[in-house]
């Protein structure tokens, strides 16, 4: 997450050309209005793709890093594009997330544990 936080700072100052916006988002509870900050890092690309990285767990030690990926389809794109293989459709943004986070080298893993 530290690697991605450094990339977030870079992106927010305009030093990452392909990024349209980047933020560390907060969650606002709709029931009581309370706000919880630093809930995850969101990188939105000029292509419409985006990824979110966040820690999941009760603490920073032993927490799980979760990545969420999204592709935006332009208006008028054939509905058949909705059935595309997610891994193939998102491979470019997944590659960026893995490179920027350096998570495979940091954890000694060969790849993600779960892909859904």
N, C-alpha and C. Protein backbone atom coordinates (compact mmCIF):
# COMPACT_ATOMS: atom_id res chain seq x y z
N UNK A 1 0.83 -1.19 0.00
CA UNK A 1 0.00 0.00 0.00
C UNK A 1 0.87 1.25 0.00
N UNK A 2 2.04 1.18 0.64
CA UNK A 2 2.93 2.35 0.63
C UNK A 2 3.36 2.71 -0.80
N UNK A 3 3.62 1.69 -1.61
CA UNK A 3 4.00 1.94 -3.01
C UNK A 3 2.87 2.64 -3.75
N UNK A 4 1.64 2.20 -3.52
CA UNK A 4 0.49 2.81 -4.18
C UNK A 4 0.21 4.21 -3.64
N UNK A 5 0.45 4.43 -2.35
CA UNK A 5 0.28 5.78 -1.80
C UNK A 5 1.27 6.75 -2.43
N UNK A 6 2.48 6.29 -2.71
CA UNK A 6 3.47 7.14 -3.39
C UNK A 6 3.00 7.44 -4.81
N UNK A 7 2.44 6.44 -5.49
CA UNK A 7 1.93 6.64 -6.84
C UNK A 7 0.72 7.57 -6.82
N UNK A 8 -0.10 7.48 -5.77
CA UNK A 8 -1.25 8.36 -5.61
C UNK A 8 -0.79 9.82 -5.55
N UNK A 9 0.23 10.08 -4.73
CA UNK A 9 0.75 11.44 -4.61
C UNK A 9 1.28 11.93 -5.95
N UNK A 10 1.97 11.07 -6.68
CA UNK A 10 2.47 11.41 -8.01
C UNK A 10 1.33 11.75 -8.96
N UNK A 11 0.30 10.91 -8.95
CA UNK A 11 -0.84 11.09 -9.85
C UNK A 11 -1.61 12.37 -9.52
N UNK A 12 -1.72 12.69 -8.24
CA UNK A 12 -2.46 13.88 -7.84
C UNK A 12 -1.75 15.16 -8.24
N UNK A 13 -0.47 15.09 -8.46
CA UNK A 13 0.27 16.27 -8.92
C UNK A 13 0.44 16.30 -10.43
N UNK A 14 -0.23 15.37 -11.11
CA UNK A 14 -0.21 15.36 -12.58
C UNK A 14 0.99 14.69 -13.19
N UNK A 15 1.76 13.94 -12.42
CA UNK A 15 2.98 13.32 -12.92
C UNK A 15 2.79 11.89 -13.45
N UNK A 16 1.54 11.45 -13.56
CA UNK A 16 1.25 10.14 -14.15
C UNK A 16 0.26 10.40 -15.28
N UNK A 17 0.77 10.43 -16.49
CA UNK A 17 0.01 10.90 -17.65
C UNK A 17 -1.30 10.17 -17.88
N UNK A 18 -1.33 8.87 -17.67
CA UNK A 18 -2.53 8.10 -18.01
C UNK A 18 -3.64 8.19 -16.98
N UNK A 19 -3.38 8.82 -15.83
CA UNK A 19 -4.37 8.89 -14.75
C UNK A 19 -5.19 10.17 -14.88
N UNK A 20 -6.52 10.01 -14.88
CA UNK A 20 -7.42 11.16 -14.94
C UNK A 20 -7.65 11.73 -13.54
N UNK A 21 -7.77 10.84 -12.54
CA UNK A 21 -7.93 11.29 -11.16
C UNK A 21 -7.48 10.18 -10.21
N UNK A 22 -7.12 10.59 -9.01
CA UNK A 22 -6.66 9.65 -8.00
C UNK A 22 -7.02 10.21 -6.63
N UNK A 23 -7.50 9.34 -5.75
CA UNK A 23 -7.88 9.80 -4.42
C UNK A 23 -7.83 8.67 -3.40
N UNK A 24 -7.70 9.07 -2.15
CA UNK A 24 -7.85 8.16 -1.03
C UNK A 24 -9.27 8.43 -0.53
N UNK A 25 -10.19 7.50 -0.78
CA UNK A 25 -11.59 7.83 -0.56
C UNK A 25 -12.04 7.61 0.88
N UNK A 26 -13.09 8.33 1.22
CA UNK A 26 -13.72 8.22 2.53
C UNK A 26 -15.10 7.62 2.36
N UNK A 27 -15.56 6.95 3.40
CA UNK A 27 -16.90 6.38 3.40
C UNK A 27 -17.76 7.20 4.34
N UNK A 28 -18.92 7.61 3.85
CA UNK A 28 -19.87 8.34 4.69
C UNK A 28 -21.10 7.46 4.89
N UNK A 29 -21.37 7.14 6.14
CA UNK A 29 -22.51 6.29 6.48
C UNK A 29 -23.80 7.05 6.25
N UNK A 30 -24.67 6.48 5.43
CA UNK A 30 -25.93 7.15 5.10
C UNK A 30 -26.91 7.19 6.26
N UNK A 31 -26.73 6.33 7.24
CA UNK A 31 -27.66 6.29 8.37
C UNK A 31 -27.31 7.35 9.40
N UNK A 32 -26.07 7.34 9.88
CA UNK A 32 -25.72 8.28 10.95
C UNK A 32 -24.84 9.45 10.50
N UNK A 33 -24.42 9.45 9.22
CA UNK A 33 -23.63 10.56 8.70
C UNK A 33 -22.17 10.54 9.10
N UNK A 34 -21.75 9.51 9.83
CA UNK A 34 -20.34 9.45 10.24
C UNK A 34 -19.45 9.20 9.02
N UNK A 35 -18.22 9.67 9.11
CA UNK A 35 -17.28 9.55 8.00
C UNK A 35 -16.05 8.76 8.45
N UNK A 36 -15.62 7.85 7.60
CA UNK A 36 -14.41 7.07 7.86
C UNK A 36 -13.46 7.34 6.71
N UNK A 37 -12.29 7.87 7.03
CA UNK A 37 -11.34 8.24 5.98
C UNK A 37 -10.37 7.10 5.67
N UNK A 38 -9.62 7.29 4.61
CA UNK A 38 -8.58 6.35 4.18
C UNK A 38 -9.13 4.94 4.00
N UNK A 39 -10.17 4.81 3.19
CA UNK A 39 -10.81 3.52 2.96
C UNK A 39 -10.27 2.79 1.75
N UNK A 40 -9.46 3.45 0.95
CA UNK A 40 -8.87 2.81 -0.22
C UNK A 40 -8.37 3.83 -1.20
N UNK A 41 -7.51 3.39 -2.08
CA UNK A 41 -6.93 4.26 -3.10
C UNK A 41 -7.62 3.99 -4.43
N UNK A 42 -8.11 5.03 -5.06
CA UNK A 42 -8.82 4.90 -6.33
C UNK A 42 -8.02 5.61 -7.42
N UNK A 43 -7.69 4.85 -8.47
CA UNK A 43 -7.00 5.40 -9.63
C UNK A 43 -7.94 5.28 -10.82
N UNK A 44 -8.34 6.42 -11.39
CA UNK A 44 -9.21 6.44 -12.57
C UNK A 44 -8.36 6.87 -13.76
N UNK A 45 -8.41 6.07 -14.81
CA UNK A 45 -7.59 6.32 -15.99
C UNK A 45 -8.37 7.06 -17.06
N UNK A 46 -7.66 7.71 -17.94
CA UNK A 46 -8.29 8.46 -19.03
C UNK A 46 -9.07 7.55 -19.97
N UNK A 47 -8.77 6.27 -19.96
CA UNK A 47 -9.49 5.29 -20.80
C UNK A 47 -10.86 4.94 -20.22
N UNK A 48 -11.12 5.33 -18.97
CA UNK A 48 -12.35 4.95 -18.30
C UNK A 48 -12.17 3.76 -17.37
N UNK A 49 -11.03 3.09 -17.46
CA UNK A 49 -10.73 1.99 -16.54
C UNK A 49 -10.39 2.58 -15.18
N UNK A 50 -10.57 1.77 -14.15
CA UNK A 50 -10.13 2.20 -12.83
C UNK A 50 -9.81 0.99 -11.97
N UNK A 51 -9.01 1.25 -10.94
CA UNK A 51 -8.82 0.21 -9.93
C UNK A 51 -8.79 0.85 -8.56
N UNK A 52 -9.24 0.05 -7.60
CA UNK A 52 -9.25 0.43 -6.20
C UNK A 52 -8.39 -0.57 -5.46
N UNK A 53 -7.55 -0.09 -4.57
CA UNK A 53 -6.75 -0.95 -3.70
C UNK A 53 -7.11 -0.58 -2.27
N UNK A 54 -7.41 -1.60 -1.47
CA UNK A 54 -7.73 -1.32 -0.08
C UNK A 54 -7.32 -2.48 0.81
N UNK A 55 -7.06 -2.13 2.06
CA UNK A 55 -6.75 -3.16 3.05
C UNK A 55 -8.05 -3.69 3.62
N UNK A 56 -8.08 -4.97 3.85
CA UNK A 56 -9.24 -5.62 4.44
C UNK A 56 -8.77 -6.39 5.65
N UNK A 57 -9.40 -6.17 6.74
CA UNK A 57 -9.00 -6.84 7.98
C UNK A 57 -9.12 -5.89 9.13
N UNK A 58 -8.77 -6.36 10.31
CA UNK A 58 -8.96 -5.56 11.52
C UNK A 58 -7.74 -4.71 11.87
N UNK A 59 -6.64 -4.92 11.19
CA UNK A 59 -5.44 -4.14 11.49
C UNK A 59 -4.53 -4.12 10.30
N UNK A 60 -3.41 -3.46 10.43
CA UNK A 60 -2.49 -3.39 9.30
C UNK A 60 -1.57 -4.60 9.24
N UNK A 61 -1.46 -5.35 10.32
CA UNK A 61 -0.63 -6.55 10.32
C UNK A 61 -1.46 -7.75 9.92
N UNK A 62 -1.04 -8.44 8.88
CA UNK A 62 -1.77 -9.61 8.43
C UNK A 62 -3.02 -9.28 7.65
N UNK A 63 -3.19 -8.03 7.27
CA UNK A 63 -4.37 -7.63 6.51
C UNK A 63 -4.27 -8.15 5.08
N UNK A 64 -5.41 -8.25 4.46
CA UNK A 64 -5.49 -8.66 3.06
C UNK A 64 -5.56 -7.41 2.19
N UNK A 65 -4.77 -7.39 1.13
CA UNK A 65 -4.88 -6.30 0.16
C UNK A 65 -5.85 -6.75 -0.91
N UNK A 66 -6.86 -5.95 -1.13
CA UNK A 66 -7.86 -6.27 -2.16
C UNK A 66 -7.76 -5.26 -3.28
N UNK A 67 -7.84 -5.77 -4.50
CA UNK A 67 -7.88 -4.93 -5.68
C UNK A 67 -9.23 -5.13 -6.35
N UNK A 68 -9.83 -4.04 -6.78
CA UNK A 68 -11.08 -4.08 -7.53
C UNK A 68 -10.83 -3.35 -8.85
N UNK A 69 -11.27 -3.96 -9.94
CA UNK A 69 -11.02 -3.40 -11.27
C UNK A 69 -12.34 -3.16 -11.98
N UNK A 70 -12.36 -2.11 -12.80
CA UNK A 70 -13.57 -1.78 -13.54
C UNK A 70 -13.20 -1.23 -14.91
N UNK A 71 -13.97 -1.63 -15.89
CA UNK A 71 -13.82 -1.11 -17.25
C UNK A 71 -15.11 -0.40 -17.61
N UNK A 72 -14.96 0.80 -18.13
CA UNK A 72 -16.11 1.56 -18.58
C UNK A 72 -16.29 1.34 -20.08
N UNK A 73 -17.47 0.94 -20.49
CA UNK A 73 -17.76 0.76 -21.90
C UNK A 73 -18.43 2.02 -22.43
N UNK A 74 -17.98 2.47 -23.57
CA UNK A 74 -18.54 3.67 -24.18
C UNK A 74 -19.99 3.44 -24.58
N UNK A 75 -20.76 4.51 -24.62
CA UNK A 75 -22.14 4.43 -25.07
C UNK A 75 -22.16 3.90 -26.49
N UNK A 76 -23.05 2.96 -26.74
CA UNK A 76 -23.16 2.41 -28.08
C UNK A 76 -22.35 1.14 -28.29
N UNK A 77 -21.57 0.74 -27.29
CA UNK A 77 -20.80 -0.50 -27.42
C UNK A 77 -21.77 -1.66 -27.43
N UNK A 78 -21.56 -2.56 -28.35
CA UNK A 78 -22.44 -3.72 -28.46
C UNK A 78 -22.57 -4.45 -27.12
N UNK A 79 -23.76 -4.92 -26.83
CA UNK A 79 -23.98 -5.62 -25.57
C UNK A 79 -23.13 -6.88 -25.46
N UNK A 80 -22.65 -7.40 -26.58
CA UNK A 80 -21.80 -8.59 -26.53
C UNK A 80 -20.50 -8.32 -25.76
N UNK A 81 -20.07 -7.06 -25.71
CA UNK A 81 -18.86 -6.72 -24.95
C UNK A 81 -19.04 -6.99 -23.47
N UNK A 82 -20.28 -7.03 -23.00
CA UNK A 82 -20.54 -7.28 -21.58
C UNK A 82 -20.20 -8.71 -21.21
N UNK A 83 -20.10 -9.59 -22.18
CA UNK A 83 -19.77 -10.98 -21.91
C UNK A 83 -18.30 -11.29 -22.06
N UNK A 84 -17.47 -10.29 -22.33
CA UNK A 84 -16.04 -10.52 -22.50
C UNK A 84 -15.44 -11.10 -21.23
N UNK A 85 -14.40 -11.91 -21.38
CA UNK A 85 -13.67 -12.47 -20.25
C UNK A 85 -13.08 -11.33 -19.43
N UNK A 86 -13.38 -11.27 -18.15
CA UNK A 86 -12.92 -10.17 -17.30
C UNK A 86 -11.40 -10.09 -17.25
N UNK A 87 -10.73 -11.22 -17.12
CA UNK A 87 -9.27 -11.22 -17.06
C UNK A 87 -8.63 -10.63 -18.30
N UNK A 88 -9.20 -10.95 -19.44
CA UNK A 88 -8.67 -10.43 -20.70
C UNK A 88 -9.03 -8.95 -20.87
N UNK A 89 -10.27 -8.59 -20.54
CA UNK A 89 -10.72 -7.21 -20.72
C UNK A 89 -9.97 -6.23 -19.81
N UNK A 90 -9.55 -6.71 -18.65
CA UNK A 90 -8.92 -5.83 -17.67
C UNK A 90 -7.41 -6.02 -17.55
N UNK A 91 -6.82 -6.81 -18.45
CA UNK A 91 -5.40 -7.17 -18.29
C UNK A 91 -4.47 -5.96 -18.23
N UNK A 92 -4.76 -4.91 -18.98
CA UNK A 92 -3.88 -3.73 -18.97
C UNK A 92 -3.90 -3.02 -17.62
N UNK A 93 -5.08 -2.81 -17.07
CA UNK A 93 -5.17 -2.11 -15.79
C UNK A 93 -4.68 -3.01 -14.65
N UNK A 94 -4.87 -4.31 -14.76
CA UNK A 94 -4.32 -5.24 -13.75
C UNK A 94 -2.80 -5.18 -13.77
N UNK A 95 -2.21 -5.16 -14.95
CA UNK A 95 -0.75 -5.08 -15.07
C UNK A 95 -0.22 -3.80 -14.43
N UNK A 96 -0.92 -2.69 -14.62
CA UNK A 96 -0.50 -1.42 -14.00
C UNK A 96 -0.57 -1.53 -12.48
N UNK A 97 -1.67 -2.07 -11.96
CA UNK A 97 -1.84 -2.20 -10.51
C UNK A 97 -0.73 -3.07 -9.91
N UNK A 98 -0.43 -4.18 -10.57
CA UNK A 98 0.62 -5.06 -10.06
C UNK A 98 1.99 -4.39 -10.12
N UNK A 99 2.24 -3.65 -11.19
CA UNK A 99 3.53 -2.96 -11.32
C UNK A 99 3.66 -1.85 -10.28
N UNK A 100 2.66 -0.99 -10.18
CA UNK A 100 2.73 0.13 -9.24
C UNK A 100 2.81 -0.33 -7.79
N UNK A 101 2.09 -1.38 -7.44
CA UNK A 101 2.09 -1.83 -6.06
C UNK A 101 3.32 -2.66 -5.72
N UNK A 102 3.91 -3.30 -6.75
CA UNK A 102 5.03 -4.22 -6.55
C UNK A 102 4.66 -5.33 -5.57
N UNK A 103 3.36 -5.66 -5.55
CA UNK A 103 2.84 -6.59 -4.55
C UNK A 103 3.39 -8.00 -4.68
N UNK A 104 3.64 -8.45 -5.91
CA UNK A 104 4.15 -9.81 -6.06
C UNK A 104 5.54 -9.95 -5.45
N UNK A 105 6.41 -8.99 -5.72
CA UNK A 105 7.76 -9.03 -5.14
C UNK A 105 7.71 -8.81 -3.63
N UNK A 106 6.84 -7.91 -3.18
CA UNK A 106 6.74 -7.60 -1.75
C UNK A 106 6.24 -8.80 -0.94
N UNK A 107 5.36 -9.60 -1.55
CA UNK A 107 4.78 -10.73 -0.81
C UNK A 107 5.43 -12.07 -1.15
N UNK A 108 6.23 -12.10 -2.22
CA UNK A 108 6.85 -13.35 -2.64
C UNK A 108 5.89 -14.29 -3.34
N UNK A 109 4.76 -13.77 -3.77
CA UNK A 109 3.76 -14.61 -4.46
C UNK A 109 3.99 -14.57 -5.96
N UNK A 110 3.42 -15.56 -6.65
CA UNK A 110 3.52 -15.64 -8.09
C UNK A 110 2.34 -14.95 -8.79
N UNK A 111 1.25 -14.78 -8.06
CA UNK A 111 0.05 -14.19 -8.62
C UNK A 111 -1.01 -14.05 -7.55
N UNK A 112 -2.18 -13.56 -7.92
CA UNK A 112 -3.26 -13.39 -6.94
C UNK A 112 -3.75 -14.74 -6.41
N UNK A 113 -4.30 -14.71 -5.20
CA UNK A 113 -4.88 -15.92 -4.62
C UNK A 113 -6.24 -16.23 -5.22
N UNK A 114 -7.02 -15.18 -5.48
CA UNK A 114 -8.39 -15.37 -5.95
C UNK A 114 -8.66 -14.37 -7.07
N UNK A 115 -9.25 -14.85 -8.13
CA UNK A 115 -9.70 -13.98 -9.21
C UNK A 115 -11.16 -14.34 -9.47
N UNK A 116 -12.04 -13.36 -9.33
CA UNK A 116 -13.46 -13.61 -9.60
C UNK A 116 -14.00 -12.58 -10.55
